[in-house]
Amino acid sequence: IFTSRNARELSVSQRQCRFTHEGDVLMFSPVYSYNLCRIECRMRFAF
């Protein structure tokens, strides 16, 4: 699945997805992926 250039200009809440460079929401990774987000969620749950 790929996202068009026009959709890239939308916010995350509008397109309901994140690009790799949008890793600011993660605390332990400079890049974003769905599995990296779940891993951090598992860390919070473990703690």
All heavy atoms as atom14 arrays in JSON, in Angstrom:
{
  "sequence": "IFTSRNARELSVSQRQCRFTHEGDVLMFSPVYSYNLCRIECRMRFAF",
  "atom14_mask": [
    [1, 1, 1, 1, 1, 1, 1, 1, 0, 0, 0, 0, 0, 0],
    [1, 1, 1, 1, 1, 1, 1, 1, 1, 1, 1, 0, 0, 0],
    [1, 1, 1, 1, 1, 1, 1, 0, 0, 0, 0, 0, 0, 0],
    [1, 1, 1, 1, 1, 1, 0, 0, 0, 0, 0, 0, 0, 0],
    [1, 1, 1, 1, 1, 1, 1, 1, 1, 1, 1, 0, 0, 0],
    [1, 1, 1, 1, 1, 1, 1, 1, 0, 0, 0, 0, 0, 0],
    [1, 1, 1, 1, 1, 0, 0, 0, 0, 0, 0, 0, 0, 0],
    [1, 1, 1, 1, 1, 1, 1, 1, 1, 1, 1, 0, 0, 0],
    [1, 1, 1, 1, 1, 1, 1, 1, 1, 0, 0, 0, 0, 0],
    [1, 1, 1, 1, 1, 1, 1, 1, 0, 0, 0, 0, 0, 0],
    [1, 1, 1, 1, 1, 1, 0, 0, 0, 0, 0, 0, 0, 0],
    [1, 1, 1, 1, 1, 1, 1, 0, 0, 0, 0, 0, 0, 0],
    [1, 1, 1, 1, 1, 1, 0, 0, 0, 0, 0, 0, 0, 0],
    [1, 1, 1, 1, 1, 1, 1, 1, 1, 0, 0, 0, 0, 0],
    [1, 1, 1, 1, 1, 1, 1, 1, 1, 1, 1, 0, 0, 0],
    [1, 1, 1, 1, 1, 1, 1, 1, 1, 0, 0, 0, 0, 0],
    [1, 1, 1, 1, 1, 1, 0, 0, 0, 0, 0, 0, 0, 0],
    [1, 1, 1, 1, 1, 1, 1, 1, 1, 1, 1, 0, 0, 0],
    [1, 1, 1, 1, 1, 1, 1, 1, 1, 1, 1, 0, 0, 0],
    [1, 1, 1, 1, 1, 1, 1, 0, 0, 0, 0, 0, 0, 0],
    [1, 1, 1, 1, 1, 1, 1, 1, 1, 1, 0, 0, 0, 0],
    [1, 1, 1, 1, 1, 1, 1, 1, 1, 0, 0, 0, 0, 0],
    [1, 1, 1, 1, 0, 0, 0, 0, 0, 0, 0, 0, 0, 0],
    [1, 1, 1, 1, 1, 1, 1, 1, 0, 0, 0, 0, 0, 0],
    [1, 1, 1, 1, 1, 1, 1, 0, 0, 0, 0, 0, 0, 0],
    [1, 1, 1, 1, 1, 1, 1, 1, 0, 0, 0, 0, 0, 0],
    [1, 1, 1, 1, 1, 1, 1, 1, 0, 0, 0, 0, 0, 0],
    [1, 1, 1, 1, 1, 1, 1, 1, 1, 1, 1, 0, 0, 0],
    [1, 1, 1, 1, 1, 1, 0, 0, 0, 0, 0, 0, 0, 0],
    [1, 1, 1, 1, 1, 1, 1, 0, 0, 0, 0, 0, 0, 0],
    [1, 1, 1, 1, 1, 1, 1, 0, 0, 0, 0, 0, 0, 0],
    [1, 1, 1, 1, 1, 1, 1, 1, 1, 1, 1, 1, 0, 0],
    [1, 1, 1, 1, 1, 1, 0, 0, 0, 0, 0, 0, 0, 0],
    [1, 1, 1, 1, 1, 1, 1, 1, 1, 1, 1, 1, 0, 0],
    [1, 1, 1, 1, 1, 1, 1, 1, 0, 0, 0, 0, 0, 0],
    [1, 1, 1, 1, 1, 1, 1, 1, 0, 0, 0, 0, 0, 0],
    [1, 1, 1, 1, 1, 1, 0, 0, 0, 0, 0, 0, 0, 0],
    [1, 1, 1, 1, 1, 1, 1, 1, 1, 1, 1, 0, 0, 0],
    [1, 1, 1, 1, 1, 1, 1, 1, 0, 0, 0, 0, 0, 0],
    [1, 1, 1, 1, 1, 1, 1, 1, 1, 0, 0, 0, 0, 0],
    [1, 1, 1, 1, 1, 1, 0, 0, 0, 0, 0, 0, 0, 0],
    [1, 1, 1, 1, 1, 1, 1, 1, 1, 1, 1, 0, 0, 0],
    [1, 1, 1, 1, 1, 1, 1, 1, 0, 0, 0, 0, 0, 0],
    [1, 1, 1, 1, 1, 1, 1, 1, 1, 1, 1, 0, 0, 0],
    [1, 1, 1, 1, 1, 1, 1, 1, 1, 1, 1, 0, 0, 0],
    [1, 1, 1, 1, 1, 0, 0, 0, 0, 0, 0, 0, 0, 0],
    [1, 1, 1, 1, 1, 1, 1, 1, 1, 1, 1, 0, 0, 0]
  ],
  "atom14_positions": [
    [[0.85, -1.18, 0.0], [0.0, 0.0, 0.0], [0.89, 1.24, 0.0], [1.9, 1.29, 0.72], [-0.96, 0.01, 1.21], [-1.84, 1.26, 1.18], [-0.21, -0.09, 2.54], [-2.96, 1.24, 2.19], [0.0, 0.0, 0.0], [0.0, 0.0, 0.0], [0.0, 0.0, 0.0], [0.0, 0.0, 0.0], [0.0, 0.0, 0.0], [0.0, 0.0, 0.0]],
    [[0.53, 2.2, -0.85], [1.31, 3.44, -0.96], [0.37, 4.63, -0.84], [-0.81, 4.56, -1.19], [2.06, 3.49, -2.29], [3.14, 2.44, -2.4], [2.91, 1.27, -3.1], [4.37, 2.63, -1.81], [3.89, 0.3, -3.2], [5.36, 1.66, -1.89], [5.12, 0.49, -2.6], [0.0, 0.0, 0.0], [0.0, 0.0, 0.0], [0.0, 0.0, 0.0]],
    [[0.92, 5.75, -0.35], [0.15, 6.97, -0.14], [0.57, 8.01, -1.15], [1.77, 8.23, -1.36], [0.36, 7.49, 1.29], [-0.04, 6.48, 2.22], [-0.44, 8.75, 1.55], [0.0, 0.0, 0.0], [0.0, 0.0, 0.0], [0.0, 0.0, 0.0], [0.0, 0.0, 0.0], [0.0, 0.0, 0.0], [0.0, 0.0, 0.0], [0.0, 0.0, 0.0]],
    [[-0.4, 8.65, -1.79], [-0.12, 9.64, -2.83], [0.49, 10.91, -2.24], [0.43, 11.15, -1.03], [-1.4, 9.98, -3.59], [-2.29, 10.69, -2.74], [0.0, 0.0, 0.0], [0.0, 0.0, 0.0], [0.0, 0.0, 0.0], [0.0, 0.0, 0.0], [0.0, 0.0, 0.0], [0.0, 0.0, 0.0], [0.0, 0.0, 0.0], [0.0, 0.0, 0.0]],
    [[1.05, 11.74, -3.1], [1.66, 12.99, -2.65], [0.62, 13.93, -2.05], [0.9, 14.65, -1.09], [2.36, 13.67, -3.82], [3.63, 12.96, -4.29], [4.34, 13.78, -5.34], [5.6, 13.17, -5.73], [6.45, 13.69, -6.62], [6.15, 14.86, -7.2], [7.56, 13.07, -6.93], [0.0, 0.0, 0.0], [0.0, 0.0, 0.0], [0.0, 0.0, 0.0]],
    [[-0.57, 13.95, -2.63], [-1.62, 14.83, -2.09], [-1.99, 14.44, -0.67], [-2.19, 15.3, 0.19], [-2.85, 14.78, -3.0], [-2.59, 15.36, -4.37], [-1.73, 16.23, -4.53], [-3.3, 14.87, -5.38], [0.0, 0.0, 0.0], [0.0, 0.0, 0.0], [0.0, 0.0, 0.0], [0.0, 0.0, 0.0], [0.0, 0.0, 0.0], [0.0, 0.0, 0.0]],
    [[-2.1, 13.14, -0.42], [-2.48, 12.68, 0.93], [-1.38, 12.91, 1.95], [-1.65, 12.96, 3.15], [-2.85, 11.2, 0.88], [0.0, 0.0, 0.0], [0.0, 0.0, 0.0], [0.0, 0.0, 0.0], [0.0, 0.0, 0.0], [0.0, 0.0, 0.0], [0.0, 0.0, 0.0], [0.0, 0.0, 0.0], [0.0, 0.0, 0.0], [0.0, 0.0, 0.0]],
    [[-0.14, 13.05, 1.5], [0.96, 13.29, 2.42], [0.82, 14.64, 3.13], [1.36, 14.84, 4.21], [2.31, 13.25, 1.68], [2.68, 11.87, 1.18], [3.91, 11.91, 0.29], [4.22, 10.59, -0.24], [5.09, 9.76, 0.3], [5.76, 10.12, 1.38], [5.32, 8.57, -0.23], [0.0, 0.0, 0.0], [0.0, 0.0, 0.0], [0.0, 0.0, 0.0]],
    [[0.11, 15.58, 2.5], [-0.05, 16.91, 3.09], [-1.08, 16.93, 4.21], [-1.17, 17.93, 4.93], [-0.45, 17.89, 1.99], [0.58, 18.0, 0.86], [0.1, 18.87, -0.28], [-1.06, 19.35, -0.19], [0.86, 19.07, -1.25], [0.0, 0.0, 0.0], [0.0, 0.0, 0.0], [0.0, 0.0, 0.0], [0.0, 0.0, 0.0], [0.0, 0.0, 0.0]],
    [[-1.86, 15.88, 4.36], [-2.87, 15.82, 5.41], [-2.22, 15.53, 6.76], [-1.09, 15.05, 6.83], [-3.91, 14.76, 5.09], [-4.72, 14.93, 3.8], [-5.6, 13.71, 3.59], [-5.55, 16.2, 3.85], [0.0, 0.0, 0.0], [0.0, 0.0, 0.0], [0.0, 0.0, 0.0], [0.0, 0.0, 0.0], [0.0, 0.0, 0.0], [0.0, 0.0, 0.0]],
    [[-2.94, 15.8, 7.83], [-2.46, 15.46, 9.16], [-2.6, 13.97, 9.41], [-3.29, 13.25, 8.67], [-3.24, 16.25, 10.22], [-4.6, 15.85, 10.22], [0.0, 0.0, 0.0], [0.0, 0.0, 0.0], [0.0, 0.0, 0.0], [0.0, 0.0, 0.0], [0.0, 0.0, 0.0], [0.0, 0.0, 0.0], [0.0, 0.0, 0.0], [0.0, 0.0, 0.0]],
    [[-1.96, 13.49, 10.48], [-2.02, 12.06, 10.81], [-3.44, 11.64, 11.13], [-3.9, 10.57, 10.71], [-1.09, 11.76, 12.0], [-1.23, 10.31, 12.44], [0.35, 12.07, 11.64], [0.0, 0.0, 0.0], [0.0, 0.0, 0.0], [0.0, 0.0, 0.0], [0.0, 0.0, 0.0], [0.0, 0.0, 0.0], [0.0, 0.0, 0.0], [0.0, 0.0, 0.0]],
    [[-4.2, 12.47, 11.83], [-5.58, 12.12, 12.18], [-6.47, 12.05, 10.94], [-7.46, 11.32, 10.93], [-6.15, 13.15, 13.16], [-6.15, 14.46, 12.58], [0.0, 0.0, 0.0], [0.0, 0.0, 0.0], [0.0, 0.0, 0.0], [0.0, 0.0, 0.0], [0.0, 0.0, 0.0], [0.0, 0.0, 0.0], [0.0, 0.0, 0.0], [0.0, 0.0, 0.0]],
    [[-6.11, 12.77, 9.88], [-6.91, 12.73, 8.67], [-6.6, 11.5, 7.83], [-7.51, 10.81, 7.38], [-6.67, 14.0, 7.85], [-7.29, 15.25, 8.46], [-6.96, 16.49, 7.67], [-5.8, 16.85, 7.46], [-7.99, 17.16, 7.19], [0.0, 0.0, 0.0], [0.0, 0.0, 0.0], [0.0, 0.0, 0.0], [0.0, 0.0, 0.0], [0.0, 0.0, 0.0]],
    [[-5.3, 11.21, 7.62], [-4.97, 10.07, 6.77], [-4.92, 8.76, 7.53], [-4.8, 7.69, 6.93], [-3.65, 10.3, 6.03], [-2.5, 10.79, 6.86], [-1.28, 10.98, 5.96], [-0.41, 12.04, 6.42], [0.58, 11.92, 7.27], [0.83, 10.75, 7.79], [1.32, 12.96, 7.6], [0.0, 0.0, 0.0], [0.0, 0.0, 0.0], [0.0, 0.0, 0.0]],
    [[-4.93, 8.81, 8.87], [-4.96, 7.61, 9.71], [-3.76, 6.7, 9.45], [-3.89, 5.46, 9.41], [-6.27, 6.84, 9.46], [-7.52, 7.58, 9.91], [-7.57, 7.77, 11.42], [-7.38, 6.83, 12.17], [-7.81, 9.0, 11.85], [0.0, 0.0, 0.0], [0.0, 0.0, 0.0], [0.0, 0.0, 0.0], [0.0, 0.0, 0.0], [0.0, 0.0, 0.0]],
    [[-2.61, 7.28, 9.28], [-1.37, 6.5, 9.11], [-0.2, 7.44, 9.38], [-0.36, 8.65, 9.46], [-1.29, 5.9, 7.7], [-1.12, 7.13, 6.38], [0.0, 0.0, 0.0], [0.0, 0.0, 0.0], [0.0, 0.0, 0.0], [0.0, 0.0, 0.0], [0.0, 0.0, 0.0], [0.0, 0.0, 0.0], [0.0, 0.0, 0.0], [0.0, 0.0, 0.0]],
    [[0.99, 6.84, 9.5], [2.21, 7.63, 9.73], [3.3, 7.17, 8.78], [3.38, 5.99, 8.43], [2.71, 7.46, 11.17], [1.92, 8.24, 12.21], [2.57, 8.16, 13.58], [1.82, 8.93, 14.55], [1.96, 10.23, 14.76], [2.88, 10.9, 14.07], [1.24, 10.84, 15.65], [0.0, 0.0, 0.0], [0.0, 0.0, 0.0], [0.0, 0.0, 0.0]],
    [[4.14, 8.13, 8.41], [5.32, 7.83, 7.61], [6.49, 7.51, 8.53], [6.47, 7.81, 9.72], [5.66, 9.0, 6.69], [4.68, 9.21, 5.58], [3.69, 10.16, 5.68], [4.73, 8.43, 4.44], [2.78, 10.36, 4.66], [3.82, 8.6, 3.41], [2.84, 9.57, 3.52], [0.0, 0.0, 0.0], [0.0, 0.0, 0.0], [0.0, 0.0, 0.0]],
    [[7.52, 6.93, 7.95], [8.67, 6.51, 8.75], [9.34, 7.67, 9.46], [9.79, 7.53, 10.61], [9.7, 5.8, 7.84], [9.05, 4.73, 7.15], [10.84, 5.23, 8.66], [0.0, 0.0, 0.0], [0.0, 0.0, 0.0], [0.0, 0.0, 0.0], [0.0, 0.0, 0.0], [0.0, 0.0, 0.0], [0.0, 0.0, 0.0], [0.0, 0.0, 0.0]],
    [[9.4, 8.83, 8.83], [10.1, 9.97, 9.44], [9.29, 10.61, 10.57], [9.82, 11.47, 11.28], [10.41, 11.02, 8.38], [9.19, 11.66, 7.77], [8.54, 11.12, 6.68], [8.48, 12.77, 8.12], [7.5, 11.88, 6.37], [7.45, 12.88, 7.23], [0.0, 0.0, 0.0], [0.0, 0.0, 0.0], [0.0, 0.0, 0.0], [0.0, 0.0, 0.0]],
    [[8.05, 10.2, 10.79], [7.22, 10.8, 11.83], [7.36, 10.02, 13.13], [6.39, 9.53, 13.7], [5.76, 10.85, 11.37], [5.56, 11.75, 10.16], [4.13, 11.73, 9.64], [3.5, 10.65, 9.69], [3.66, 12.77, 9.16], [0.0, 0.0, 0.0], [0.0, 0.0, 0.0], [0.0, 0.0, 0.0], [0.0, 0.0, 0.0], [0.0, 0.0, 0.0]],
    [[8.6, 9.92, 13.61], [8.87, 9.14, 14.81], [8.86, 9.96, 16.08], [9.31, 9.47, 17.13], [0.0, 0.0, 0.0], [0.0, 0.0, 0.0], [0.0, 0.0, 0.0], [0.0, 0.0, 0.0], [0.0, 0.0, 0.0], [0.0, 0.0, 0.0], [0.0, 0.0, 0.0], [0.0, 0.0, 0.0], [0.0, 0.0, 0.0], [0.0, 0.0, 0.0]],
    [[8.34, 11.19, 16.02], [8.34, 12.04, 17.21], [7.42, 11.5, 18.3], [7.57, 11.86, 19.47], [7.92, 13.46, 16.83], [6.6, 13.49, 16.06], [6.56, 12.92, 14.96], [5.62, 14.08, 16.56], [0.0, 0.0, 0.0], [0.0, 0.0, 0.0], [0.0, 0.0, 0.0], [0.0, 0.0, 0.0], [0.0, 0.0, 0.0], [0.0, 0.0, 0.0]],
    [[6.46, 10.65, 17.95], [5.53, 10.12, 18.96], [6.15, 8.95, 19.73], [5.59, 8.52, 20.75], [4.21, 9.67, 18.31], [3.5, 10.84, 17.69], [4.46, 8.58, 17.26], [0.0, 0.0, 0.0], [0.0, 0.0, 0.0], [0.0, 0.0, 0.0], [0.0, 0.0, 0.0], [0.0, 0.0, 0.0], [0.0, 0.0, 0.0], [0.0, 0.0, 0.0]],
    [[7.26, 8.42, 19.26], [7.91, 7.3, 19.92], [9.03, 7.8, 20.83], [9.74, 8.75, 20.5], [8.47, 6.31, 18.91], [7.45, 5.67, 17.95], [8.13, 4.65, 17.05], [6.31, 5.03, 18.72], [0.0, 0.0, 0.0], [0.0, 0.0, 0.0], [0.0, 0.0, 0.0], [0.0, 0.0, 0.0], [0.0, 0.0, 0.0], [0.0, 0.0, 0.0]],
    [[9.19, 7.15, 21.97], [10.17, 7.58, 22.96], [11.5, 6.86, 22.8], [12.54, 7.37, 23.23], [9.62, 7.34, 24.36], [10.47, 7.9, 25.48], [10.7, 9.7, 25.39], [9.01, 10.24, 25.69], [0.0, 0.0, 0.0], [0.0, 0.0, 0.0], [0.0, 0.0, 0.0], [0.0, 0.0, 0.0], [0.0, 0.0, 0.0], [0.0, 0.0, 0.0]],
    [[11.5, 5.69, 22.13], [12.73, 4.89, 22.06], [13.19, 4.62, 20.63], [14.02, 3.75, 20.42], [12.51, 3.55, 22.79], [12.37, 3.68, 24.27], [11.13, 3.91, 24.85], [13.48, 3.61, 25.1], [10.99, 4.04, 26.22], [13.35, 3.74, 26.47], [12.11, 3.96, 27.03], [0.0, 0.0, 0.0], [0.0, 0.0, 0.0], [0.0, 0.0, 0.0]],
    [[12.67, 5.37, 19.67], [13.09, 5.17, 18.28], [13.0, 6.49, 17.54], [12.03, 7.25, 17.72], [12.21, 4.13, 17.59], [12.52, 4.04, 16.21], [0.0, 0.0, 0.0], [0.0, 0.0, 0.0], [0.0, 0.0, 0.0], [0.0, 0.0, 0.0], [0.0, 0.0, 0.0], [0.0, 0.0, 0.0], [0.0, 0.0, 0.0], [0.0, 0.0, 0.0]],
    [[14.0, 6.8, 16.68], [13.92, 8.03, 15.88], [13.02, 7.9, 14.67], [12.73, 8.9, 14.01], [15.39, 8.25, 15.46], [15.97, 6.88, 15.43], [15.27, 6.09, 16.5], [0.0, 0.0, 0.0], [0.0, 0.0, 0.0], [0.0, 0.0, 0.0], [0.0, 0.0, 0.0], [0.0, 0.0, 0.0], [0.0, 0.0, 0.0], [0.0, 0.0, 0.0]],
    [[12.59, 6.69, 14.32], [11.71, 6.47, 13.18], [10.44, 5.76, 13.67], [10.4, 5.2, 14.76], [12.4, 5.62, 12.09], [13.58, 6.38, 11.5], [12.85, 4.27, 12.64], [0.0, 0.0, 0.0], [0.0, 0.0, 0.0], [0.0, 0.0, 0.0], [0.0, 0.0, 0.0], [0.0, 0.0, 0.0], [0.0, 0.0, 0.0], [0.0, 0.0, 0.0]],
    [[9.41, 5.81, 12.82], [8.13, 5.21, 13.19], [7.83, 4.0, 12.33], [8.12, 3.96, 11.13], [6.99, 6.22, 13.0], [5.64, 5.63, 13.35], [5.16, 5.65, 14.65], [4.85, 5.04, 12.36], [3.93, 5.09, 14.98], [3.62, 4.47, 12.68], [3.16, 4.51, 13.98], [1.95, 3.94, 14.31], [0.0, 0.0, 0.0], [0.0, 0.0, 0.0]],
    [[7.26, 2.99, 12.95], [6.6, 1.9, 12.25], [5.52, 1.35, 13.17], [5.55, 1.58, 14.39], [7.59, 0.79, 11.85], [7.88, -0.06, 12.95], [0.0, 0.0, 0.0], [0.0, 0.0, 0.0], [0.0, 0.0, 0.0], [0.0, 0.0, 0.0], [0.0, 0.0, 0.0], [0.0, 0.0, 0.0], [0.0, 0.0, 0.0], [0.0, 0.0, 0.0]],
    [[4.58, 0.65, 12.61], [3.47, 0.12, 13.4], [3.98, -0.85, 14.46], [3.56, -0.8, 15.63], [2.49, -0.59, 12.48], [1.34, -1.25, 13.2], [0.31, -0.49, 13.77], [1.28, -2.64, 13.33], [-0.73, -1.09, 14.44], [0.24, -3.24, 14.01], [-0.77, -2.47, 14.56], [-1.8, -3.07, 15.23], [0.0, 0.0, 0.0], [0.0, 0.0, 0.0]],
    [[4.93, -1.72, 14.09], [5.46, -2.68, 15.07], [6.29, -1.99, 16.15], [6.27, -2.39, 17.32], [6.3, -3.74, 14.37], [5.44, -4.74, 13.61], [4.21, -4.75, 13.73], [6.06, -5.58, 12.81], [0.0, 0.0, 0.0], [0.0, 0.0, 0.0], [0.0, 0.0, 0.0], [0.0, 0.0, 0.0], [0.0, 0.0, 0.0], [0.0, 0.0, 0.0]],
    [[7.05, -0.95, 15.79], [7.8, -0.21, 16.8], [6.85, 0.45, 17.8], [7.14, 0.52, 19.0], [8.67, 0.85, 16.13], [9.94, 0.35, 15.43], [10.6, 1.48, 14.65], [10.93, -0.23, 16.44], [0.0, 0.0, 0.0], [0.0, 0.0, 0.0], [0.0, 0.0, 0.0], [0.0, 0.0, 0.0], [0.0, 0.0, 0.0], [0.0, 0.0, 0.0]],
    [[5.73, 0.93, 17.31], [4.73, 1.53, 18.21], [4.16, 0.48, 19.16], [3.99, 0.74, 20.35], [3.63, 2.18, 17.37], [2.32, 2.96, 18.35], [0.0, 0.0, 0.0], [0.0, 0.0, 0.0], [0.0, 0.0, 0.0], [0.0, 0.0, 0.0], [0.0, 0.0, 0.0], [0.0, 0.0, 0.0], [0.0, 0.0, 0.0], [0.0, 0.0, 0.0]],
    [[3.87, -0.71, 18.65], [3.36, -1.78, 19.5], [4.41, -2.24, 20.52], [4.09, -2.6, 21.65], [2.9, -2.96, 18.65], [1.54, -2.75, 18.01], [1.15, -3.94, 17.16], [1.1, -5.17, 17.95], [0.04, -5.58, 18.65], [-1.05, -4.84, 18.7], [0.07, -6.73, 19.3], [0.0, 0.0, 0.0], [0.0, 0.0, 0.0], [0.0, 0.0, 0.0]],
    [[5.66, -2.23, 20.12], [6.74, -2.61, 21.05], [6.8, -1.62, 22.21], [6.93, -2.01, 23.37], [8.08, -2.68, 20.3], [8.11, -3.93, 19.39], [9.25, -2.69, 21.26], [9.31, -4.0, 18.48], [0.0, 0.0, 0.0], [0.0, 0.0, 0.0], [0.0, 0.0, 0.0], [0.0, 0.0, 0.0], [0.0, 0.0, 0.0], [0.0, 0.0, 0.0]],
    [[6.71, -0.31, 21.91], [6.71, 0.67, 23.0], [5.46, 0.54, 23.86], [5.51, 0.75, 25.07], [6.83, 2.08, 22.42], [8.2, 2.38, 21.86], [8.52, 3.87, 21.87], [7.71, 4.65, 22.42], [9.58, 4.23, 21.34], [0.0, 0.0, 0.0], [0.0, 0.0, 0.0], [0.0, 0.0, 0.0], [0.0, 0.0, 0.0], [0.0, 0.0, 0.0]],
    [[4.34, 0.2, 23.25], [3.13, -0.03, 24.03], [3.31, -1.23, 24.96], [2.87, -1.2, 26.12], [1.95, -0.28, 23.08], [0.37, -0.53, 23.9], [0.0, 0.0, 0.0], [0.0, 0.0, 0.0], [0.0, 0.0, 0.0], [0.0, 0.0, 0.0], [0.0, 0.0, 0.0], [0.0, 0.0, 0.0], [0.0, 0.0, 0.0], [0.0, 0.0, 0.0]],
    [[4.0, -2.25, 24.48], [4.27, -3.43, 25.32], [5.22, -3.06, 26.46], [5.1, -3.59, 27.57], [4.85, -4.54, 24.45], [4.97, -5.88, 25.17], [5.35, -6.99, 24.21], [4.23, -7.33, 23.33], [4.22, -7.12, 22.02], [5.27, -6.57, 21.43], [3.16, -7.46, 21.3], [0.0, 0.0, 0.0], [0.0, 0.0, 0.0], [0.0, 0.0, 0.0]],
    [[6.15, -2.16, 26.2], [7.04, -1.7, 27.27], [6.25, -0.99, 28.37], [6.46, -1.23, 29.56], [8.11, -0.76, 26.69], [9.09, -1.43, 25.75], [10.24, -0.25, 24.97], [11.22, 0.25, 26.38], [0.0, 0.0, 0.0], [0.0, 0.0, 0.0], [0.0, 0.0, 0.0], [0.0, 0.0, 0.0], [0.0, 0.0, 0.0], [0.0, 0.0, 0.0]],
    [[5.34, -0.12, 27.96], [4.51, 0.6, 28.96], [3.66, -0.39, 29.75], [3.5, -0.24, 30.97], [3.62, 1.62, 28.26], [4.35, 2.77, 27.61], [3.42, 3.89, 27.24], [2.43, 3.49, 26.26], [2.6, 3.56, 24.94], [3.74, 4.06, 24.46], [1.66, 3.2, 24.11], [0.0, 0.0, 0.0], [0.0, 0.0, 0.0], [0.0, 0.0, 0.0]],
    [[3.12, -1.39, 29.07], [2.28, -2.37, 29.75], [3.1, -3.22, 30.71], [2.66, -3.54, 31.82], [1.58, -3.24, 28.71], [0.54, -4.16, 29.29], [-0.37, -3.7, 30.23], [0.47, -5.49, 28.9], [-1.33, -4.55, 30.76], [-0.48, -6.33, 29.42], [-1.38, -5.87, 30.36], [0.0, 0.0, 0.0], [0.0, 0.0, 0.0], [0.0, 0.0, 0.0]],
    [[4.32, -3.6, 30.31], [5.2, -4.37, 31.18], [5.55, -3.58, 32.43], [5.55, -4.12, 33.55], [6.47, -4.77, 30.42], [0.0, 0.0, 0.0], [0.0, 0.0, 0.0], [0.0, 0.0, 0.0], [0.0, 0.0, 0.0], [0.0, 0.0, 0.0], [0.0, 0.0, 0.0], [0.0, 0.0, 0.0], [0.0, 0.0, 0.0], [0.0, 0.0, 0.0]],
    [[5.83, -2.3, 32.26], [6.16, -1.47, 33.42], [4.95, -1.31, 34.34], [5.08, -1.26, 35.56], [6.67, -0.11, 32.95], [7.18, 0.76, 34.05], [8.44, 0.54, 34.6], [6.41, 1.8, 34.55], [8.91, 1.34, 35.63], [6.87, 2.6, 35.57], [8.13, 2.37, 36.11], [0.0, 0.0, 0.0], [0.0, 0.0, 0.0], [0.0, 0.0, 0.0]]
  ]
}
